[in-house]
Every structure is written in C-alpha cells, then in structure tokens.
Amino acid sequence: MSTPDRNSRKTLVGNVTSRSGDKSVKVTVPFKVPHPRYKKVINRKTVVHVHDEKNETHLGDKVEIMETRPISRFKRWRIVNILNRAIIADAVAVSEVDVVASIKA
C-alpha cells in the first residue's frame, strides 16, 4: 500500500476563532450547500482544531490549513500559512457569528 505524498493532502481556508491553548487554535471553515429539496443555498461551517507550532496566529486571521497525522485527541490539521492578518487586537474576542458575517460581505 503506497502512502500519499504531501501534495495530495486536503487543504482548507478558514478563520481563526479561538486560541484554545499553547500551540492550538480553532479554525472555522465556512461553506455553502444547497438545500436538498428547495435548492436554497444554506451557509454552513466546520470547526476544526489546528496545530500552530510557532503560536503565530491571532484571532481573526485567515489561514490555510493542511490535513496531517493525529497530533492529539482532536488535532488532525496544521497551519500551512497565514493568508491575511487580523486588523483587530488580541483582546477583542471574535465569535463564529462574526466570521460567518464577514464571509457573506
């Protein structure tokens, strides 16, 4: 059985919504899906636990994450790079509702 190379791993783009601990962040990945019967587009989100080795992300940053081996009980993703830095200060909390609202705009 051959192992997949690094380039075939899943990558996602989302926003940092929580700095839960040392080297750990939560990233919210929004996506749109049509309703099965009525076909109206519905906004959904997935929250994943991500490994941040250098503790370089802040709340509100837009990041690219990559699937990786299990690092802890929940963490199966790691930060690849930071696409956009947040303008807001660290002291201000960003909720998942704010992130989804910024995606719609």
PDB file of N, CA and C in Angstrom:
ATOM      1  N   MET A   1       0.852  -1.176   0.000  1.00  0.00           N
ATOM      2  CA  MET A   1       0.000   0.000   0.000  1.00  0.00           C
ATOM      3  C   MET A   1       0.891   1.230   0.000  1.00  0.00           C
ATOM      4  N   SER A   2       0.708   2.116  -0.950  1.00  0.00           N
ATOM      5  CA  SER A   2       1.550   3.302  -1.039  1.00  0.00           C
ATOM      6  C   SER A   2       0.964   4.426  -0.183  1.00  0.00           C
ATOM      7  N   THR A   3       1.855   5.231   0.350  1.00  0.00           N
ATOM      8  CA  THR A   3       1.409   6.365   1.159  1.00  0.00           C
ATOM      9  C   THR A   3       1.241   7.579   0.260  1.00  0.00           C
ATOM     10  N   PRO A   4       0.234   8.410   0.539  1.00  0.00           N
ATOM     11  CA  PRO A   4       0.040   9.601  -0.295  1.00  0.00           C
ATOM     12  C   PRO A   4       1.148  10.618  -0.029  1.00  0.00           C
ATOM     13  N   ASP A   5       1.560  11.309  -1.075  1.00  0.00           N
ATOM     14  CA  ASP A   5       2.580  12.334  -0.870  1.00  0.00           C
ATOM     15  C   ASP A   5       1.939  13.578  -0.264  1.00  0.00           C
ATOM     16  N   ARG A   6       2.782  14.497   0.162  1.00  0.00           N
ATOM     17  CA  ARG A   6       2.302  15.684   0.859  1.00  0.00           C
ATOM     18  C   ARG A   6       1.386  16.549   0.003  1.00  0.00           C
ATOM     19  N   ASN A   7       1.568  16.514  -1.299  1.00  0.00           N
ATOM     20  CA  ASN A   7       0.771  17.380  -2.158  1.00  0.00           C
ATOM     21  C   ASN A   7      -0.651  16.890  -2.347  1.00  0.00           C
ATOM     22  N   SER A   8      -0.943  15.651  -1.986  1.00  0.00           N
ATOM     23  CA  SER A   8      -2.296  15.145  -2.165  1.00  0.00           C
ATOM     24  C   SER A   8      -3.141  15.274  -0.900  1.00  0.00           C
ATOM     25  N   ARG A   9      -2.597  15.915   0.139  1.00  0.00           N
ATOM     26  CA  ARG A   9      -3.368  16.093   1.369  1.00  0.00           C
ATOM     27  C   ARG A   9      -4.400  17.199   1.201  1.00  0.00           C
ATOM     28  N   LYS A  10      -5.496  17.081   1.969  1.00  0.00           N
ATOM     29  CA  LYS A  10      -6.552  18.084   1.905  1.00  0.00           C
ATOM     30  C   LYS A  10      -6.050  19.406   2.477  1.00  0.00           C
ATOM     31  N   THR A  11      -6.456  20.496   1.860  1.00  0.00           N
ATOM     32  CA  THR A  11      -6.181  21.823   2.402  1.00  0.00           C
ATOM     33  C   THR A  11      -7.485  22.599   2.450  1.00  0.00           C
ATOM     34  N   LEU A  12      -7.635  23.424   3.475  1.00  0.00           N
ATOM     35  CA  LEU A  12      -8.817  24.257   3.658  1.00  0.00           C
ATOM     36  C   LEU A  12      -8.375  25.667   4.006  1.00  0.00           C
ATOM     37  N   VAL A  13      -9.264  26.627   3.778  1.00  0.00           N
ATOM     38  CA  VAL A  13      -9.012  28.015   4.159  1.00  0.00           C
ATOM     39  C   VAL A  13     -10.118  28.430   5.109  1.00  0.00           C
ATOM     40  N   GLY A  14      -9.722  28.995   6.267  1.00  0.00           N
ATOM     41  CA  GLY A  14     -10.698  29.417   7.259  1.00  0.00           C
ATOM     42  C   GLY A  14     -10.148  30.519   8.124  1.00  0.00           C
ATOM     43  N   ASN A  15     -10.923  30.894   9.126  1.00  0.00           N
ATOM     44  CA  ASN A  15     -10.554  31.975  10.036  1.00  0.00           C
ATOM     45  C   ASN A  15     -10.345  31.446  11.448  1.00  0.00           C
ATOM     46  N   VAL A  16      -9.336  31.980  12.119  1.00  0.00           N
ATOM     47  CA  VAL A  16      -9.059  31.592  13.499  1.00  0.00           C
ATOM     48  C   VAL A  16     -10.128  32.214  14.390  1.00  0.00           C
ATOM     49  N   THR A  17     -10.849  31.378  15.141  1.00  0.00           N
ATOM     50  CA  THR A  17     -11.917  31.881  16.004  1.00  0.00           C
ATOM     51  C   THR A  17     -11.613  31.701  17.478  1.00  0.00           C
ATOM     52  N   SER A  18     -10.592  30.913  17.819  1.00  0.00           N
ATOM     53  CA  SER A  18     -10.262  30.701  19.226  1.00  0.00           C
ATOM     54  C   SER A  18      -8.814  30.271  19.352  1.00  0.00           C
ATOM     55  N   ARG A  19      -8.150  30.814  20.372  1.00  0.00           N
ATOM     56  CA  ARG A  19      -6.810  30.355  20.730  1.00  0.00           C
ATOM     57  C   ARG A  19      -6.989  29.536  21.997  1.00  0.00           C
ATOM     58  N   SER A  20      -7.219  28.252  21.842  1.00  0.00           N
ATOM     59  CA  SER A  20      -7.639  27.419  22.961  1.00  0.00           C
ATOM     60  C   SER A  20      -6.514  27.038  23.915  1.00  0.00           C
ATOM     61  N   GLY A  21      -5.276  27.071  23.481  1.00  0.00           N
ATOM     62  CA  GLY A  21      -4.180  26.698  24.370  1.00  0.00           C
ATOM     63  C   GLY A  21      -2.854  26.943  23.696  1.00  0.00           C
ATOM     64  N   ASP A  22      -1.794  26.427  24.278  1.00  0.00           N
ATOM     65  CA  ASP A  22      -0.471  26.584  23.698  1.00  0.00           C
ATOM     66  C   ASP A  22      -0.375  25.734  22.434  1.00  0.00           C
ATOM     67  N   LYS A  23      -0.041  26.364  21.323  1.00  0.00           N
ATOM     68  CA  LYS A  23       0.123  25.726  20.016  1.00  0.00           C
ATOM     69  C   LYS A  23      -1.181  25.129  19.476  1.00  0.00           C
ATOM     70  N   SER A  24      -2.320  25.593  19.951  1.00  0.00           N
ATOM     71  CA  SER A  24      -3.612  25.085  19.495  1.00  0.00           C
ATOM     72  C   SER A  24      -4.548  26.236  19.164  1.00  0.00           C
ATOM     73  N   VAL A  25      -5.246  26.132  18.046  1.00  0.00           N
ATOM     74  CA  VAL A  25      -6.255  27.112  17.670  1.00  0.00           C
ATOM     75  C   VAL A  25      -7.451  26.386  17.088  1.00  0.00           C
ATOM     76  N   LYS A  26      -8.593  27.076  17.082  1.00  0.00           N
ATOM     77  CA  LYS A  26      -9.769  26.570  16.394  1.00  0.00           C
ATOM     78  C   LYS A  26      -9.953  27.417  15.152  1.00  0.00           C
ATOM     79  N   VAL A  27     -10.175  26.744  14.029  1.00  0.00           N
ATOM     80  CA  VAL A  27     -10.378  27.424  12.758  1.00  0.00           C
ATOM     81  C   VAL A  27     -11.776  27.078  12.258  1.00  0.00           C
ATOM     82  N   THR A  28     -12.534  28.116  11.885  1.00  0.00           N
ATOM     83  CA  THR A  28     -13.868  27.934  11.337  1.00  0.00           C
ATOM     84  C   THR A  28     -13.781  28.016   9.820  1.00  0.00           C
ATOM     85  N   VAL A  29     -14.266  26.969   9.155  1.00  0.00           N
ATOM     86  CA  VAL A  29     -14.241  26.904   7.696  1.00  0.00           C
ATOM     87  C   VAL A  29     -15.681  26.987   7.208  1.00  0.00           C
ATOM     88  N   PRO A  30     -16.077  28.146   6.637  1.00  0.00           N
ATOM     89  CA  PRO A  30     -17.452  28.269   6.138  1.00  0.00           C
ATOM     90  C   PRO A  30     -17.585  27.671   4.737  1.00  0.00           C
ATOM     91  N   PHE A  31     -18.767  27.149   4.440  1.00  0.00           N
ATOM     92  CA  PHE A  31     -19.051  26.655   3.097  1.00  0.00           C
ATOM     93  C   PHE A  31     -20.545  26.779   2.839  1.00  0.00           C
ATOM     94  N   LYS A  32     -20.920  26.708   1.581  1.00  0.00           N
ATOM     95  CA  LYS A  32     -22.320  26.837   1.197  1.00  0.00           C
ATOM     96  C   LYS A  32     -22.773  25.527   0.567  1.00  0.00           C
ATOM     97  N   VAL A  33     -24.002  25.141   0.877  1.00  0.00           N
ATOM     98  CA  VAL A  33     -24.546  23.890   0.345  1.00  0.00           C
ATOM     99  C   VAL A  33     -26.023  24.124  -0.003  1.00  0.00           C
ATOM    100  N   PRO A  34     -26.501  23.591  -1.126  1.00  0.00           N
ATOM    101  CA  PRO A  34     -27.918  23.781  -1.452  1.00  0.00           C
ATOM    102  C   PRO A  34     -28.806  22.864  -0.617  1.00  0.00           C
ATOM    103  N   HIS A  35     -29.989  23.371  -0.286  1.00  0.00           N
ATOM    104  CA  HIS A  35     -30.962  22.560   0.430  1.00  0.00           C
ATOM    105  C   HIS A  35     -31.388  21.405  -0.481  1.00  0.00           C
ATOM    106  N   PRO A  36     -31.513  20.185   0.064  1.00  0.00           N
ATOM    107  CA  PRO A  36     -31.803  19.024  -0.785  1.00  0.00           C
ATOM    108  C   PRO A  36     -33.101  19.147  -1.590  1.00  0.00           C
ATOM    109  N   ARG A  37     -34.136  19.720  -1.002  1.00  0.00           N
ATOM    110  CA  ARG A  37     -35.409  19.791  -1.708  1.00  0.00           C
ATOM    111  C   ARG A  37     -35.629  21.153  -2.366  1.00  0.00           C
ATOM    112  N   TYR A  38     -35.371  22.240  -1.617  1.00  0.00           N
ATOM    113  CA  TYR A  38     -35.748  23.569  -2.093  1.00  0.00           C
ATOM    114  C   TYR A  38     -34.628  24.291  -2.834  1.00  0.00           C
ATOM    115  N   LYS A  39     -33.424  23.749  -2.809  1.00  0.00           N
ATOM    116  CA  LYS A  39     -32.272  24.274  -3.544  1.00  0.00           C
ATOM    117  C   LYS A  39     -31.815  25.664  -3.108  1.00  0.00           C
ATOM    118  N   LYS A  40     -32.333  26.177  -1.983  1.00  0.00           N
ATOM    119  CA  LYS A  40     -31.829  27.446  -1.471  1.00  0.00           C
ATOM    120  C   LYS A  40     -30.433  27.204  -0.894  1.00  0.00           C
ATOM    121  N   VAL A  41     -29.541  28.142  -1.108  1.00  0.00           N
ATOM    122  CA  VAL A  41     -28.177  27.993  -0.623  1.00  0.00           C
ATOM    123  C   VAL A  41     -28.149  28.283   0.876  1.00  0.00           C
ATOM    124  N   ILE A  42     -27.589  27.354   1.639  1.00  0.00           N
ATOM    125  CA  ILE A  42     -27.521  27.460   3.095  1.00  0.00           C
ATOM    126  C   ILE A  42     -26.059  27.621   3.498  1.00  0.00           C
ATOM    127  N   ASN A  43     -25.798  28.544   4.419  1.00  0.00           N
ATOM    128  CA  ASN A  43     -24.443  28.736   4.937  1.00  0.00           C
ATOM    129  C   ASN A  43     -24.186  27.742   6.064  1.00  0.00           C
ATOM    130  N   ARG A  44     -23.117  26.996   5.955  1.00  0.00           N
ATOM    131  CA  ARG A  44     -22.720  26.037   6.982  1.00  0.00           C
ATOM    132  C   ARG A  44     -21.296  26.341   7.397  1.00  0.00           C
ATOM    133  N   LYS A  45     -20.840  25.714   8.470  1.00  0.00           N
ATOM    134  CA  LYS A  45     -19.455  25.897   8.896  1.00  0.00           C
ATOM    135  C   LYS A  45     -18.954  24.629   9.552  1.00  0.00           C
ATOM    136  N   THR A  46     -17.649  24.443   9.471  1.00  0.00           N
ATOM    137  CA  THR A  46     -16.977  23.350  10.140  1.00  0.00           C
ATOM    138  C   THR A  46     -15.917  23.959  11.041  1.00  0.00           C
ATOM    139  N   VAL A  47     -15.871  23.519  12.291  1.00  0.00           N
ATOM    140  CA  VAL A  47     -14.856  23.999  13.220  1.00  0.00           C
ATOM    141  C   VAL A  47     -13.852  22.870  13.431  1.00  0.00           C
ATOM    142  N   VAL A  48     -12.574  23.150  13.144  1.00  0.00           N
ATOM    143  CA  VAL A  48     -11.533  22.142  13.298  1.00  0.00           C
ATOM    144  C   VAL A  48     -10.476  22.637  14.273  1.00  0.00           C
ATOM    145  N   HIS A  49      -9.877  21.715  14.993  1.00  0.00           N
ATOM    146  CA  HIS A  49      -8.782  22.012  15.907  1.00  0.00           C
ATOM    147  C   HIS A  49      -7.484  21.899  15.118  1.00  0.00           C
ATOM    148  N   VAL A  50      -6.651  22.925  15.218  1.00  0.00           N
ATOM    149  CA  VAL A  50      -5.474  23.023  14.363  1.00  0.00           C
ATOM    150  C   VAL A  50      -4.231  23.214  15.212  1.00  0.00           C
ATOM    151  N   HIS A  51      -3.128  22.600  14.776  1.00  0.00           N
ATOM    152  CA  HIS A  51      -1.835  22.738  15.444  1.00  0.00           C
ATOM    153  C   HIS A  51      -1.110  23.960  14.885  1.00  0.00           C
ATOM    154  N   ASP A  52      -0.723  24.877  15.777  1.00  0.00           N
ATOM    155  CA  ASP A  52       0.010  26.086  15.406  1.00  0.00           C
ATOM    156  C   ASP A  52       1.367  26.023  16.102  1.00  0.00           C
ATOM    157  N   GLU A  53       2.353  25.450  15.429  1.00  0.00           N
ATOM    158  CA  GLU A  53       3.654  25.156  16.045  1.00  0.00           C
ATOM    159  C   GLU A  53       4.334  26.389  16.622  1.00  0.00           C
ATOM    160  N   LYS A  54       4.281  27.525  15.916  1.00  0.00           N
ATOM    161  CA  LYS A  54       5.018  28.713  16.342  1.00  0.00           C
ATOM    162  C   LYS A  54       4.172  29.720  17.107  1.00  0.00           C
ATOM    163  N   ASN A  55       2.907  29.409  17.384  1.00  0.00           N
ATOM    164  CA  ASN A  55       1.995  30.344  18.049  1.00  0.00           C
ATOM    165  C   ASN A  55       1.964  31.691  17.346  1.00  0.00           C
ATOM    166  N   GLU A  56       1.917  31.681  16.011  1.00  0.00           N
ATOM    167  CA  GLU A  56       1.986  32.928  15.262  1.00  0.00           C
ATOM    168  C   GLU A  56       0.638  33.454  14.790  1.00  0.00           C
ATOM    169  N   THR A  57      -0.429  32.700  14.961  1.00  0.00           N
ATOM    170  CA  THR A  57      -1.740  33.175  14.533  1.00  0.00           C
ATOM    171  C   THR A  57      -2.435  33.924  15.653  1.00  0.00           C
ATOM    172  N   HIS A  58      -3.360  34.795  15.259  1.00  0.00           N
ATOM    173  CA  HIS A  58      -4.162  35.576  16.201  1.00  0.00           C
ATOM    174  C   HIS A  58      -5.624  35.448  15.816  1.00  0.00           C
ATOM    175  N   LEU A  59      -6.506  35.878  16.699  1.00  0.00           N
ATOM    176  CA  LEU A  59      -7.933  35.810  16.427  1.00  0.00           C
ATOM    177  C   LEU A  59      -8.266  36.621  15.184  1.00  0.00           C
ATOM    178  N   GLY A  60      -9.049  36.039  14.295  1.00  0.00           N
ATOM    179  CA  GLY A  60      -9.486  36.725  13.093  1.00  0.00           C
ATOM    180  C   GLY A  60      -8.586  36.527  11.893  1.00  0.00           C
ATOM    181  N   ASP A  61      -7.415  35.915  12.051  1.00  0.00           N
ATOM    182  CA  ASP A  61      -6.518  35.682  10.918  1.00  0.00           C
ATOM    183  C   ASP A  61      -7.150  34.688   9.943  1.00  0.00           C
ATOM    184  N   LYS A  62      -6.930  34.927   8.649  1.00  0.00           N
ATOM    185  CA  LYS A  62      -7.360  33.984   7.621  1.00  0.00           C
ATOM    186  C   LYS A  62      -6.179  33.081   7.328  1.00  0.00           C
ATOM    187  N   VAL A  63      -6.357  31.762   7.512  1.00  0.00           N
ATOM    188  CA  VAL A  63      -5.242  30.828   7.402  1.00  0.00           C
ATOM    189  C   VAL A  63      -5.572  29.692   6.453  1.00  0.00           C
ATOM    190  N   GLU A  64      -4.514  29.092   5.921  1.00  0.00           N
ATOM    191  CA  GLU A  64      -4.634  27.875   5.135  1.00  0.00           C
ATOM    192  C   GLU A  64      -4.144  26.734   6.012  1.00  0.00           C
ATOM    193  N   ILE A  65      -4.940  25.655   6.083  1.00  0.00           N
ATOM    194  CA  ILE A  65      -4.573  24.524   6.931  1.00  0.00           C
ATOM    195  C   ILE A  65      -4.475  23.266   6.080  1.00  0.00           C
ATOM    196  N   MET A  66      -3.678  22.313   6.564  1.00  0.00           N
ATOM    197  CA  MET A  66      -3.457  21.069   5.839  1.00  0.00           C
ATOM    198  C   MET A  66      -3.710  19.887   6.766  1.00  0.00           C
ATOM    199  N   GLU A  67      -4.284  18.847   6.210  1.00  0.00           N
ATOM    200  CA  GLU A  67      -4.522  17.617   6.946  1.00  0.00           C
ATOM    201  C   GLU A  67      -3.178  16.974   7.293  1.00  0.00           C
ATOM    202  N   THR A  68      -3.074  16.398   8.480  1.00  0.00           N
ATOM    203  CA  THR A  68      -1.821  15.777   8.899  1.00  0.00           C
ATOM    204  C   THR A  68      -2.124  14.585   9.805  1.00  0.00           C
ATOM    205  N   ARG A  69      -1.077  13.946  10.279  1.00  0.00           N
ATOM    206  CA  ARG A  69      -1.254  12.817  11.181  1.00  0.00           C
ATOM    207  C   ARG A  69      -1.886  13.301  12.488  1.00  0.00           C
ATOM    208  N   PRO A  70      -2.499  12.424  13.271  1.00  0.00           N
ATOM    209  CA  PRO A  70      -3.057  12.848  14.553  1.00  0.00           C
ATOM    210  C   PRO A  70      -1.975  13.380  15.485  1.00  0.00           C
ATOM    211  N   ILE A  71      -2.157  14.600  15.961  1.00  0.00           N
ATOM    212  CA  ILE A  71      -1.187  15.228  16.857  1.00  0.00           C
ATOM    213  C   ILE A  71      -1.652  15.103  18.297  1.00  0.00           C
ATOM    214  N   SER A  72      -2.957  15.173  18.515  1.00  0.00           N
ATOM    215  CA  SER A  72      -3.526  14.970  19.845  1.00  0.00           C
ATOM    216  C   SER A  72      -4.915  14.370  19.666  1.00  0.00           C
ATOM    217  N   ARG A  73      -5.702  14.396  20.714  1.00  0.00           N
ATOM    218  CA  ARG A  73      -7.016  13.768  20.657  1.00  0.00           C
ATOM    219  C   ARG A  73      -7.894  14.361  19.553  1.00  0.00           C
ATOM    220  N   PHE A  74      -7.857  15.687  19.372  1.00  0.00           N
ATOM    221  CA  PHE A  74      -8.705  16.328  18.376  1.00  0.00           C
ATOM    222  C   PHE A  74      -7.939  16.891  17.185  1.00  0.00           C
ATOM    223  N   LYS A  75      -6.677  17.200  17.353  1.00  0.00           N
ATOM    224  CA  LYS A  75      -5.938  17.908  16.308  1.00  0.00           C
ATOM    225  C   LYS A  75      -5.464  16.968  15.201  1.00  0.00           C
ATOM    226  N   ARG A  76      -5.998  17.212  13.992  1.00  0.00           N
ATOM    227  CA  ARG A  76      -5.590  16.469  12.801  1.00  0.00           C
ATOM    228  C   ARG A  76      -5.230  17.405  11.659  1.00  0.00           C
ATOM    229  N   TRP A  77      -5.090  18.680  11.948  1.00  0.00           N
ATOM    230  CA  TRP A  77      -4.777  19.705  10.953  1.00  0.00           C
ATOM    231  C   TRP A  77      -3.627  20.553  11.485  1.00  0.00           C
ATOM    232  N   ARG A  78      -2.887  21.198  10.564  1.00  0.00           N
ATOM    233  CA  ARG A  78      -1.820  22.109  10.962  1.00  0.00           C
ATOM    234  C   ARG A  78      -1.830  23.326  10.055  1.00  0.00           C
ATOM    235  N   ILE A  79      -1.271  24.422  10.552  1.00  0.00           N
ATOM    236  CA  ILE A  79      -1.210  25.676   9.805  1.00  0.00           C
ATOM    237  C   ILE A  79      -0.169  25.546   8.696  1.00  0.00           C
ATOM    238  N   VAL A  80      -0.558  25.890   7.462  1.00  0.00           N
ATOM    239  CA  VAL A  80       0.383  25.920   6.352  1.00  0.00           C
ATOM    240  C   VAL A  80       0.942  27.336   6.205  1.00  0.00           C
ATOM    241  N   ASN A  81       0.036  28.318   6.057  1.00  0.00           N
ATOM    242  CA  ASN A  81       0.468  29.709   6.039  1.00  0.00           C
ATOM    243  C   ASN A  81      -0.687  30.621   6.413  1.00  0.00           C
ATOM    244  N   ILE A  82      -0.335  31.861   6.732  1.00  0.00           N
ATOM    245  CA  ILE A  82      -1.322  32.863   7.116  1.00  0.00           C
ATOM    246  C   ILE A  82      -1.580  33.723   5.891  1.00  0.00           C
ATOM    247  N   LEU A  83      -2.832  33.735   5.427  1.00  0.00           N
ATOM    248  CA  LEU A  83      -3.170  34.478   4.221  1.00  0.00           C
ATOM    249  C   LEU A  83      -3.404  35.961   4.504  1.00  0.00           C
ATOM    250  N   ASN A  84      -4.188  36.274   5.536  1.00  0.00           N
ATOM    251  CA  ASN A  84      -4.467  37.660   5.922  1.00  0.00           C
ATOM    252  C   ASN A  84      -4.369  37.789   7.431  1.00  0.00           C
ATOM    253  N   ARG A  85      -3.653  38.790   7.877  1.00  0.00           N
ATOM    254  CA  ARG A  85      -3.579  39.074   9.310  1.00  0.00           C
ATOM    255  C   ARG A  85      -4.816  39.842   9.744  1.00  0.00           C
ATOM    256  N   ALA A  86      -5.241  39.636  10.972  1.00  0.00           N
ATOM    257  CA  ALA A  86      -6.385  40.358  11.520  1.00  0.00           C
ATOM    258  C   ALA A  86      -5.971  41.777  11.868  1.00  0.00           C
ATOM    259  N   ILE A  87      -6.887  42.711  11.665  1.00  0.00           N
ATOM    260  CA  ILE A  87      -6.636  44.110  11.997  1.00  0.00           C
ATOM    261  C   ILE A  87      -6.936  44.375  13.463  1.00  0.00           C
ATOM    262  N   ILE A  88      -7.837  43.600  14.041  1.00  0.00           N
ATOM    263  CA  ILE A  88      -8.259  43.819  15.421  1.00  0.00           C
ATOM    264  C   ILE A  88      -7.195  43.350  16.402  1.00  0.00           C
ATOM    265  N   ALA A  89      -7.283  43.844  17.634  1.00  0.00           N
ATOM    266  CA  ALA A  89      -6.331  43.474  18.676  1.00  0.00           C
ATOM    267  C   ALA A  89      -6.679  42.105  19.244  1.00  0.00           C
ATOM    268  N   ASP A  90      -5.708  41.490  19.926  1.00  0.00           N
ATOM    269  CA  ASP A  90      -5.929  40.170  20.524  1.00  0.00           C
ATOM    270  C   ASP A  90      -6.965  40.195  21.631  1.00  0.00           C
ATOM    271  N   ALA A  91      -7.110  41.334  22.308  1.00  0.00           N
ATOM    272  CA  ALA A  91      -8.007  41.408  23.455  1.00  0.00           C
ATOM    273  C   ALA A  91      -9.472  41.281  23.048  1.00  0.00           C
ATOM    274  N   VAL A  92      -9.802  41.594  21.819  1.00  0.00           N
ATOM    275  CA  VAL A  92     -11.181  41.540  21.357  1.00  0.00           C
ATOM    276  C   VAL A  92     -11.475  40.130  20.848  1.00  0.00           C
ATOM    277  N   ALA A  93     -12.505  39.506  21.412  1.00  0.00           N
ATOM    278  CA  ALA A  93     -12.864  38.150  21.012  1.00  0.00           C
ATOM    279  C   ALA A  93     -13.667  38.179  19.713  1.00  0.00           C
ATOM    280  N   VAL A  94     -13.410  37.244  18.834  1.00  0.00           N
ATOM    281  CA  VAL A  94     -14.142  37.111  17.579  1.00  0.00           C
ATOM    282  C   VAL A  94     -14.994  35.859  17.680  1.00  0.00           C
ATOM    283  N   SER A  95     -16.283  36.023  17.503  1.00  0.00           N
ATOM    284  CA  SER A  95     -17.159  34.864  17.575  1.00  0.00           C
ATOM    285  C   SER A  95     -17.329  34.256  16.193  1.00  0.00           C
ATOM    286  N   GLU A  96     -17.855  33.049  16.151  1.00  0.00           N
ATOM    287  CA  GLU A  96     -18.080  32.370  14.879  1.00  0.00           C
ATOM    288  C   GLU A  96     -19.123  33.103  14.051  1.00  0.00           C
ATOM    289  N   VAL A  97     -20.068  33.771  14.716  1.00  0.00           N
ATOM    290  CA  VAL A  97     -21.092  34.544  14.013  1.00  0.00           C
ATOM    291  C   VAL A  97     -20.456  35.710  13.256  1.00  0.00           C
ATOM    292  N   ASP A  98     -19.478  36.381  13.898  1.00  0.00           N
ATOM    293  CA  ASP A  98     -18.772  37.479  13.246  1.00  0.00           C
ATOM    294  C   ASP A  98     -18.002  36.996  12.019  1.00  0.00           C
ATOM    295  N   VAL A  99     -17.403  35.839  12.115  1.00  0.00           N
ATOM    296  CA  VAL A  99     -16.633  35.296  10.991  1.00  0.00           C
ATOM    297  C   VAL A  99     -17.545  34.982   9.819  1.00  0.00           C
ATOM    298  N   VAL A 100     -18.680  34.345  10.088  1.00  0.00           N
ATOM    299  CA  VAL A 100     -19.623  33.997   9.024  1.00  0.00           C
ATOM    300  C   VAL A 100     -20.187  35.276   8.402  1.00  0.00           C
ATOM    301  N   ALA A 101     -20.449  36.296   9.219  1.00  0.00           N
ATOM    302  CA  ALA A 101     -20.964  37.565   8.703  1.00  0.00           C
ATOM    303  C   ALA A 101     -19.931  38.239   7.795  1.00  0.00           C
ATOM    304  N   SER A 102     -18.654  38.142   8.141  1.00  0.00           N
ATOM    305  CA  SER A 102     -17.618  38.748   7.305  1.00  0.00           C
ATOM    306  C   SER A 102     -17.452  37.991   5.989  1.00  0.00           C
ATOM    307  N   ILE A 103     -17.731  36.712   5.973  1.00  0.00           N
ATOM    308  CA  ILE A 103     -17.638  35.925   4.747  1.00  0.00           C
ATOM    309  C   ILE A 103     -18.747  36.324   3.778  1.00  0.00           C
ATOM    310  N   LYS A 104     -19.943  36.595   4.308  1.00  0.00           N
ATOM    311  CA  LYS A 104     -21.082  36.966   3.468  1.00  0.00           C
ATOM    312  C   LYS A 104     -20.849  38.320   2.807  1.00  0.00           C
ATOM    313  N   ALA A 105     -20.162  39.223   3.502  1.00  0.00           N
ATOM    314  CA  ALA A 105     -19.954  40.592   2.973  1.00  0.00           C
ATOM    315  C   ALA A 105     -18.974  40.619   1.836  1.00  0.00           C
TER     316      ALA A 105
END
